[in-house]
Amino acid sequence: MTDSRRTYLDITYNNKKIKAELEGHLKDWTFTDNLSGQIDDLQIVLEDKENKWLNDWFPSKGSVLSASIFKKYWKSQTVKTKIGKFEVDEIEASGDPTEVVIRSLSVPESSSLRGEGKVRAWEKSTLRVVAGDIAKKNKLKLYYQANENPKKDRYEQDGETDLAFLYRLCKDEGFCLKLSNRSIVILDEADYERKATVATINRKSGASDDIQVVNWTAKTTLSGAYKSCRVIYRDAAKKKTIKASYTPPKPPKVGRTLVIREQIKSVAEGQRLAKKRLREANKDATTVNLTVTTTKHLDAGDTVNLKKFGKFNGKYIITQVVHGPFTVQLSLRKVLVGY
């Protein structure tokens, strides 16, 4: 008899193995891996009819969970994927029967990244320097993976949290801000979209396919899309107006032009800004959501090829992955061509 496929968690609590404590109590779990703007999280659901978790085993907020995902009996060998460290952030209990839900985040609450508005400024600095200062202040690592490092005369944080401020700066530049495993990661979506696909997903999955589709939804829209972007800046001191524009090779079939009025020092800088802002405005034009079973571990930022989805065929980037014991939920958006 063939052993049934299993996907399960291995967790340590403050560096202590808790496999025995979880045995018979772990009802469900999810690990959410986000590409940009949201903190990765791990949630576990525990049955507690003996009230152990409600009392002596009740976890302390701020405790650290280290977790790995195991896939057993999917292939000849067990596949292990480390998903990092998480700080216990929220605990809920309900009944009857008693159930305890523990939610943990990949960025510690002890940092001031999320909960404290700040006022400060950087003069003649780069995005990498600003991000590095914020990471150091919050005792986090910075992984700056974008090829470009924008420089401005002034970066100003005016009452925003570090997270909101840094996300705004990254979004303006067309970059992703990923918060994972006690780290800040800044990456360029366009670079990730150009990477080779890690898998092909067929709508009508065959028995031999690594990824099997359980259900799916897809949407394409022209709402909020623009044909081109124009940047205009009037330098009053020099009495000079700088204009720049960008139109992609295959623009959406709309007549709207996105107009940006921000300080630029050259036409080349304006064209770069126009391209970035047009990408940000148009990137969610075509999206697909899938529930799958998979032998492969998929990460946010991976690209996949969709087949047998009709007009929704093509190359997509994964913007969110929700891993669970039985299925994986994928949020995808179609990669942009030419920008």
Protein backbone atom coordinates (compact mmCIF):
# COMPACT_ATOMS: atom_id res chain seq x y z
CA MET A 1 0.00 0.00 0.00
CA THR A 2 1.32 3.48 -0.93
CA ASP A 3 1.68 5.94 1.96
CA SER A 4 -0.55 8.98 1.57
CA ARG A 5 1.09 12.33 0.88
CA ARG A 6 1.67 14.53 3.91
CA THR A 7 2.73 18.13 4.39
CA TYR A 8 3.53 19.03 7.96
CA LEU A 9 5.29 21.58 10.16
CA ASP A 10 8.30 21.12 12.37
CA ILE A 11 8.40 23.86 15.03
CA THR A 12 10.76 24.84 17.80
CA TYR A 13 9.60 27.18 20.57
CA ASN A 14 12.38 29.37 21.99
CA ASN A 15 14.88 26.82 20.59
CA LYS A 16 13.04 23.89 22.18
CA LYS A 17 11.45 21.08 20.16
CA ILE A 18 7.69 20.88 20.80
CA LYS A 19 6.78 17.94 18.57
CA ALA A 20 5.37 15.94 21.51
CA GLU A 21 3.27 18.89 22.70
CA LEU A 22 1.81 19.46 19.24
CA GLU A 23 1.05 15.77 18.64
CA GLY A 24 -2.72 15.28 18.62
CA HIS A 25 -3.39 18.99 19.18
CA LEU A 26 -2.39 20.67 15.89
CA LYS A 27 -5.63 20.99 13.88
CA ASP A 28 -4.48 23.35 11.13
CA TRP A 29 -1.73 25.74 10.13
CA THR A 30 -0.92 28.32 7.45
CA PHE A 31 2.28 30.06 6.42
CA THR A 32 1.70 33.21 4.35
CA ASP A 33 4.58 34.35 2.14
CA ASN A 34 4.08 37.86 0.65
CA LEU A 35 6.01 39.48 -2.16
CA SER A 36 5.55 43.08 -1.04
CA GLY A 37 4.06 45.37 1.57
CA GLN A 38 2.90 42.79 4.12
CA ILE A 39 4.73 40.89 6.83
CA ASP A 40 5.03 37.11 6.41
CA ASP A 41 3.15 35.23 9.11
CA LEU A 42 2.69 31.75 10.57
CA GLN A 43 -0.60 30.73 12.18
CA ILE A 44 -1.30 27.48 14.02
CA VAL A 45 -4.68 26.21 15.26
CA LEU A 46 -4.73 23.89 18.28
CA GLU A 47 -7.49 21.75 19.78
CA ASP A 48 -7.40 22.02 23.55
CA LYS A 49 -10.10 19.89 25.12
CA GLU A 50 -7.73 19.13 28.01
CA ASN A 51 -7.07 22.88 28.49
CA LYS A 52 -3.29 22.40 28.38
CA TRP A 53 -2.67 25.26 25.94
CA LEU A 54 -5.09 27.48 27.83
CA ASN A 55 -3.10 27.01 31.03
CA ASP A 56 0.42 25.60 31.50
CA TRP A 57 1.29 25.49 27.79
CA PHE A 58 -0.03 28.99 27.06
CA PRO A 59 2.67 30.65 24.88
CA SER A 60 4.27 33.93 25.87
CA LYS A 61 3.87 36.87 23.48
CA GLY A 62 7.27 37.69 22.01
CA SER A 63 8.46 34.10 22.08
CA VAL A 64 10.23 32.86 18.95
CA LEU A 65 9.00 30.05 16.71
CA SER A 66 11.39 28.52 14.17
CA ALA A 67 9.61 26.49 11.51
CA SER A 68 10.22 24.19 8.56
CA ILE A 69 7.78 22.62 6.11
CA PHE A 70 8.17 18.92 5.30
CA LYS A 71 6.65 17.16 2.30
CA LYS A 72 6.56 13.42 2.88
CA TYR A 73 5.58 10.64 0.44
CA TRP A 74 5.26 13.16 -2.43
CA LYS A 75 8.47 11.87 -3.96
CA SER A 76 11.04 9.25 -3.08
CA GLN A 77 12.63 11.59 -0.54
CA THR A 78 11.17 13.86 2.11
CA VAL A 79 11.55 17.52 1.08
CA LYS A 80 12.37 20.01 3.86
CA THR A 81 12.06 23.79 3.46
CA LYS A 82 13.04 26.18 6.23
CA ILE A 83 10.62 29.10 6.42
CA GLY A 84 12.43 31.06 9.13
CA LYS A 85 11.77 32.61 12.53
CA PHE A 86 8.55 34.16 13.77
CA GLU A 87 7.64 36.08 16.91
CA VAL A 88 4.38 35.21 18.70
CA ASP A 89 2.20 38.27 18.21
CA GLU A 90 -1.42 37.32 18.93
CA ILE A 91 -3.22 34.50 20.74
CA GLU A 92 -6.95 33.78 20.49
CA ALA A 93 -9.01 31.21 22.37
CA SER A 94 -12.60 30.07 21.85
CA GLY A 95 -14.92 27.24 22.85
CA ASP A 96 -16.54 24.91 23.43
CA PRO A 97 -14.72 22.74 22.42
CA THR A 98 -11.70 24.82 23.39
CA GLU A 99 -9.47 25.96 20.54
CA VAL A 100 -6.34 28.13 20.66
CA VAL A 101 -5.00 30.07 17.67
CA ILE A 102 -1.41 31.37 17.76
CA ARG A 103 -0.40 33.98 15.17
CA SER A 104 3.26 34.89 14.76
CA LEU A 105 5.04 37.40 12.54
CA SER A 106 8.40 37.34 10.78
CA VAL A 107 9.25 40.84 12.07
CA PRO A 108 9.37 41.25 15.86
CA GLU A 109 6.89 43.53 17.61
CA SER A 110 9.77 44.68 19.80
CA SER A 111 11.01 46.71 16.82
CA SER A 112 9.40 50.10 16.14
CA LEU A 113 8.88 49.25 12.48
CA ARG A 114 5.07 49.08 12.65
CA GLY A 115 3.68 50.86 15.67
CA GLU A 116 5.50 54.20 16.01
CA GLY A 117 5.11 57.26 13.81
CA LYS A 118 8.38 59.15 13.32
CA VAL A 119 9.58 62.49 11.97
CA ARG A 120 13.03 62.68 10.37
CA ALA A 121 14.76 63.44 7.09
CA TRP A 122 17.76 62.41 4.98
CA GLU A 123 19.58 65.01 2.86
CA LYS A 124 21.21 64.05 -0.45
CA SER A 125 20.88 60.37 0.27
CA THR A 126 20.05 57.12 -1.49
CA LEU A 127 17.21 54.69 -0.93
CA ARG A 128 19.71 52.05 0.15
CA VAL A 129 21.13 54.31 2.87
CA VAL A 130 17.63 55.21 4.13
CA ALA A 131 16.60 51.54 4.22
CA GLY A 132 19.86 50.60 5.91
CA ASP A 133 19.33 53.20 8.65
CA ILE A 134 15.79 51.94 9.27
CA ALA A 135 16.89 48.30 9.33
CA LYS A 136 19.73 49.04 11.78
CA LYS A 137 17.44 51.07 14.05
CA ASN A 138 14.99 48.15 14.19
CA LYS A 139 17.74 45.50 14.61
CA LEU A 140 16.87 43.88 11.28
CA LYS A 141 19.05 42.76 8.38
CA LEU A 142 18.79 44.56 5.04
CA TYR A 143 19.07 42.72 1.73
CA TYR A 144 19.09 45.30 -1.06
CA GLN A 145 18.64 43.34 -4.29
CA ALA A 146 17.64 46.09 -6.75
CA ASN A 147 20.21 47.05 -9.39
CA GLU A 148 19.23 50.72 -9.21
CA ASN A 149 19.82 52.84 -6.11
CA PRO A 150 17.77 56.06 -6.48
CA LYS A 151 19.23 59.25 -4.98
CA LYS A 152 17.26 62.32 -3.92
CA ASP A 153 18.04 65.72 -2.44
CA ARG A 154 15.71 64.92 0.44
CA TYR A 155 13.81 61.93 1.84
CA GLU A 156 11.30 63.04 4.49
CA GLN A 157 9.42 60.86 6.98
CA ASP A 158 6.54 62.92 8.39
CA GLY A 159 4.68 61.06 11.13
CA GLU A 160 4.69 57.74 9.27
CA THR A 161 5.74 54.42 10.73
CA ASP A 162 9.01 53.05 9.37
CA LEU A 163 7.07 50.36 7.53
CA ALA A 164 4.62 52.77 5.88
CA PHE A 165 7.42 55.20 4.99
CA LEU A 166 9.72 52.59 3.48
CA TYR A 167 6.85 50.95 1.60
CA ARG A 168 5.90 54.33 0.08
CA LEU A 169 9.45 54.97 -1.07
CA CYS A 170 9.74 51.50 -2.61
CA LYS A 171 6.36 51.74 -4.32
CA ASP A 172 7.31 55.10 -5.86
CA GLU A 173 10.39 53.46 -7.36
CA GLY A 174 8.57 50.35 -8.57
CA PHE A 175 10.36 48.18 -6.00
CA CYS A 176 9.00 45.49 -3.69
CA LEU A 177 9.42 45.68 0.06
CA LYS A 178 9.49 42.20 1.55
CA LEU A 179 9.53 41.54 5.31
CA SER A 180 10.63 38.03 6.08
CA ASN A 181 12.69 36.11 8.65
CA ARG A 182 13.65 39.22 10.65
CA SER A 183 14.88 40.93 7.49
CA ILE A 184 13.97 43.77 5.16
CA VAL A 185 14.35 42.83 1.49
CA ILE A 186 14.13 45.42 -1.30
CA LEU A 187 13.89 44.02 -4.80
CA ASP A 188 12.92 45.13 -8.28
CA GLU A 189 9.80 43.37 -9.55
CA ALA A 190 10.96 43.74 -13.14
CA ASP A 191 14.15 41.77 -12.36
CA TYR A 192 12.12 38.96 -10.79
CA GLU A 193 9.67 38.90 -13.70
CA ARG A 194 12.56 38.31 -16.11
CA LYS A 195 13.72 35.20 -14.25
CA ALA A 196 13.07 31.77 -15.71
CA THR A 197 9.83 30.09 -14.66
CA VAL A 198 10.09 27.48 -11.91
CA ALA A 199 7.08 25.46 -13.10
CA THR A 200 4.28 25.10 -15.63
CA ILE A 201 0.75 24.90 -14.26
CA ASN A 202 -1.88 23.21 -16.43
CA ARG A 203 -5.53 24.01 -15.81
CA LYS A 204 -6.42 20.39 -16.62
CA SER A 205 -3.69 18.80 -14.55
CA GLY A 206 -2.43 15.33 -15.38
CA ALA A 207 -1.51 12.64 -12.88
CA SER A 208 2.20 13.22 -13.56
CA ASP A 209 2.08 17.02 -13.09
CA ASP A 210 4.06 18.35 -10.11
CA ILE A 211 1.33 20.94 -9.51
CA GLN A 212 -2.33 19.91 -9.56
CA VAL A 213 -5.05 22.57 -9.83
CA VAL A 214 -7.95 22.14 -7.40
CA ASN A 215 -9.83 25.32 -8.33
CA TRP A 216 -9.08 28.71 -9.86
CA THR A 217 -10.40 32.20 -10.65
CA ALA A 218 -9.06 34.75 -13.14
CA LYS A 219 -9.73 38.41 -13.92
CA THR A 220 -8.54 40.96 -16.46
CA THR A 221 -9.57 44.61 -16.43
CA LEU A 222 -8.82 47.96 -18.06
CA SER A 223 -10.05 49.88 -15.01
CA GLY A 224 -7.23 52.03 -13.68
CA ALA A 225 -4.94 51.20 -16.62
CA TYR A 226 -3.09 53.83 -18.66
CA LYS A 227 -1.76 53.85 -22.21
CA SER A 228 1.28 55.95 -21.34
CA CYS A 229 2.82 58.13 -18.65
CA ARG A 230 3.99 61.75 -18.91
CA VAL A 231 6.21 63.49 -16.33
CA ILE A 232 6.28 67.30 -16.11
CA TYR A 233 8.44 69.43 -13.83
CA ARG A 234 8.70 73.23 -13.83
CA ASP A 235 11.98 74.51 -12.38
CA ALA A 236 10.98 78.01 -11.27
CA ALA A 237 14.53 79.04 -10.35
CA LYS A 238 15.89 78.21 -13.80
CA LYS A 239 12.63 79.11 -15.56
CA LYS A 240 12.78 75.79 -17.35
CA THR A 241 10.23 72.99 -17.86
CA ILE A 242 11.41 69.39 -18.20
CA LYS A 243 9.09 66.89 -19.89
CA ALA A 244 9.43 63.16 -20.39
CA SER A 245 7.12 60.29 -21.32
CA TYR A 246 6.99 56.55 -21.74
CA THR A 247 4.72 54.26 -23.76
CA PRO A 248 5.23 50.46 -23.59
CA PRO A 249 5.52 48.33 -26.76
CA LYS A 250 2.03 46.84 -26.24
CA PRO A 251 0.04 49.43 -24.28
CA PRO A 252 -3.46 48.75 -22.89
CA LYS A 253 -6.26 49.66 -25.28
CA VAL A 254 -7.29 52.78 -23.40
CA GLY A 255 -6.87 56.48 -24.13
CA ARG A 256 -5.83 57.60 -20.64
CA THR A 257 -2.40 59.09 -19.92
CA LEU A 258 -0.97 59.08 -16.42
CA VAL A 259 0.43 62.53 -15.61
CA ILE A 260 3.09 62.87 -12.88
CA ARG A 261 4.24 66.24 -11.55
CA GLU A 262 7.39 65.64 -9.55
CA GLN A 263 10.87 67.09 -9.41
CA ILE A 264 13.25 65.67 -12.01
CA LYS A 265 16.66 66.89 -13.10
CA SER A 266 16.77 65.50 -16.65
CA VAL A 267 14.70 63.94 -19.41
CA ALA A 268 16.40 60.58 -18.76
CA GLU A 269 15.39 60.70 -15.09
CA GLY A 270 11.85 61.62 -16.16
CA GLN A 271 11.64 58.70 -18.58
CA ARG A 272 12.78 56.30 -15.86
CA LEU A 273 10.17 57.70 -13.46
CA ALA A 274 7.44 57.50 -16.12
CA LYS A 275 8.25 53.85 -16.80
CA LYS A 276 8.21 52.96 -13.09
CA ARG A 277 4.94 54.74 -12.37
CA LEU A 278 3.22 53.28 -15.43
CA ARG A 279 4.31 49.80 -14.35
CA GLU A 280 2.88 50.38 -10.87
CA ALA A 281 -0.44 51.60 -12.31
CA ASN A 282 -0.84 48.76 -14.84
CA LYS A 283 0.69 45.74 -13.12
CA ASP A 284 -2.55 44.28 -11.70
CA ALA A 285 -4.45 44.32 -15.00
CA THR A 286 -4.54 40.49 -15.20
CA THR A 287 -4.63 38.34 -12.06
CA VAL A 288 -5.22 34.66 -11.32
CA ASN A 289 -5.87 32.89 -8.01
CA LEU A 290 -5.23 29.16 -7.71
CA THR A 291 -5.71 26.48 -5.11
CA VAL A 292 -3.26 23.66 -5.83
CA THR A 293 -1.56 20.62 -4.44
CA THR A 294 2.13 20.56 -5.25
CA THR A 295 5.28 18.49 -4.85
CA LYS A 296 7.30 21.68 -5.29
CA HIS A 297 7.82 24.38 -2.70
CA LEU A 298 6.74 27.68 -4.25
CA ASP A 299 7.83 31.12 -3.02
CA ALA A 300 6.44 34.60 -3.53
CA GLY A 301 8.53 36.12 -6.34
CA ASP A 302 8.77 32.88 -8.33
CA THR A 303 7.44 32.97 -11.89
CA VAL A 304 5.28 30.24 -13.41
CA ASN A 305 3.80 29.53 -16.82
CA LEU A 306 0.03 28.97 -17.08
CA LYS A 307 -1.24 26.62 -19.80
CA LYS A 308 -4.73 25.62 -20.95
CA PHE A 309 -6.22 28.74 -19.37
CA GLY A 310 -7.23 30.17 -22.75
CA LYS A 311 -6.67 33.93 -22.95
CA PHE A 312 -5.20 33.78 -19.45
CA ASN A 313 -2.24 31.69 -20.64
CA GLY A 314 1.22 33.13 -20.13
CA LYS A 315 3.95 33.97 -17.64
CA TYR A 316 2.93 35.09 -14.15
CA ILE A 317 4.70 36.19 -10.98
CA ILE A 318 3.55 34.85 -7.60
CA THR A 319 2.59 37.74 -5.31
CA GLN A 320 1.40 35.64 -2.36
CA VAL A 321 1.60 32.00 -1.28
CA VAL A 322 -0.47 30.55 1.56
CA HIS A 323 0.91 27.12 2.49
CA GLY A 324 -1.23 24.68 4.43
CA PRO A 325 -1.28 20.98 5.35
CA PHE A 326 -3.33 19.93 2.31
CA THR A 327 -3.31 22.68 -0.32
CA VAL A 328 -1.41 25.79 -1.37
CA GLN A 329 -3.17 29.01 -2.39
CA LEU A 330 -1.43 31.14 -5.02
CA SER A 331 -2.08 34.76 -5.98
CA LEU A 332 -0.58 35.58 -9.37
CA ARG A 333 -0.37 38.54 -11.70
CA LYS A 334 0.67 38.48 -15.33
CA VAL A 335 4.15 39.84 -15.96
CA LEU A 336 4.40 43.08 -17.89
CA VAL A 337 6.16 43.22 -21.26
CA GLY A 338 8.42 46.17 -22.04
CA TYR A 339 8.47 47.87 -18.65
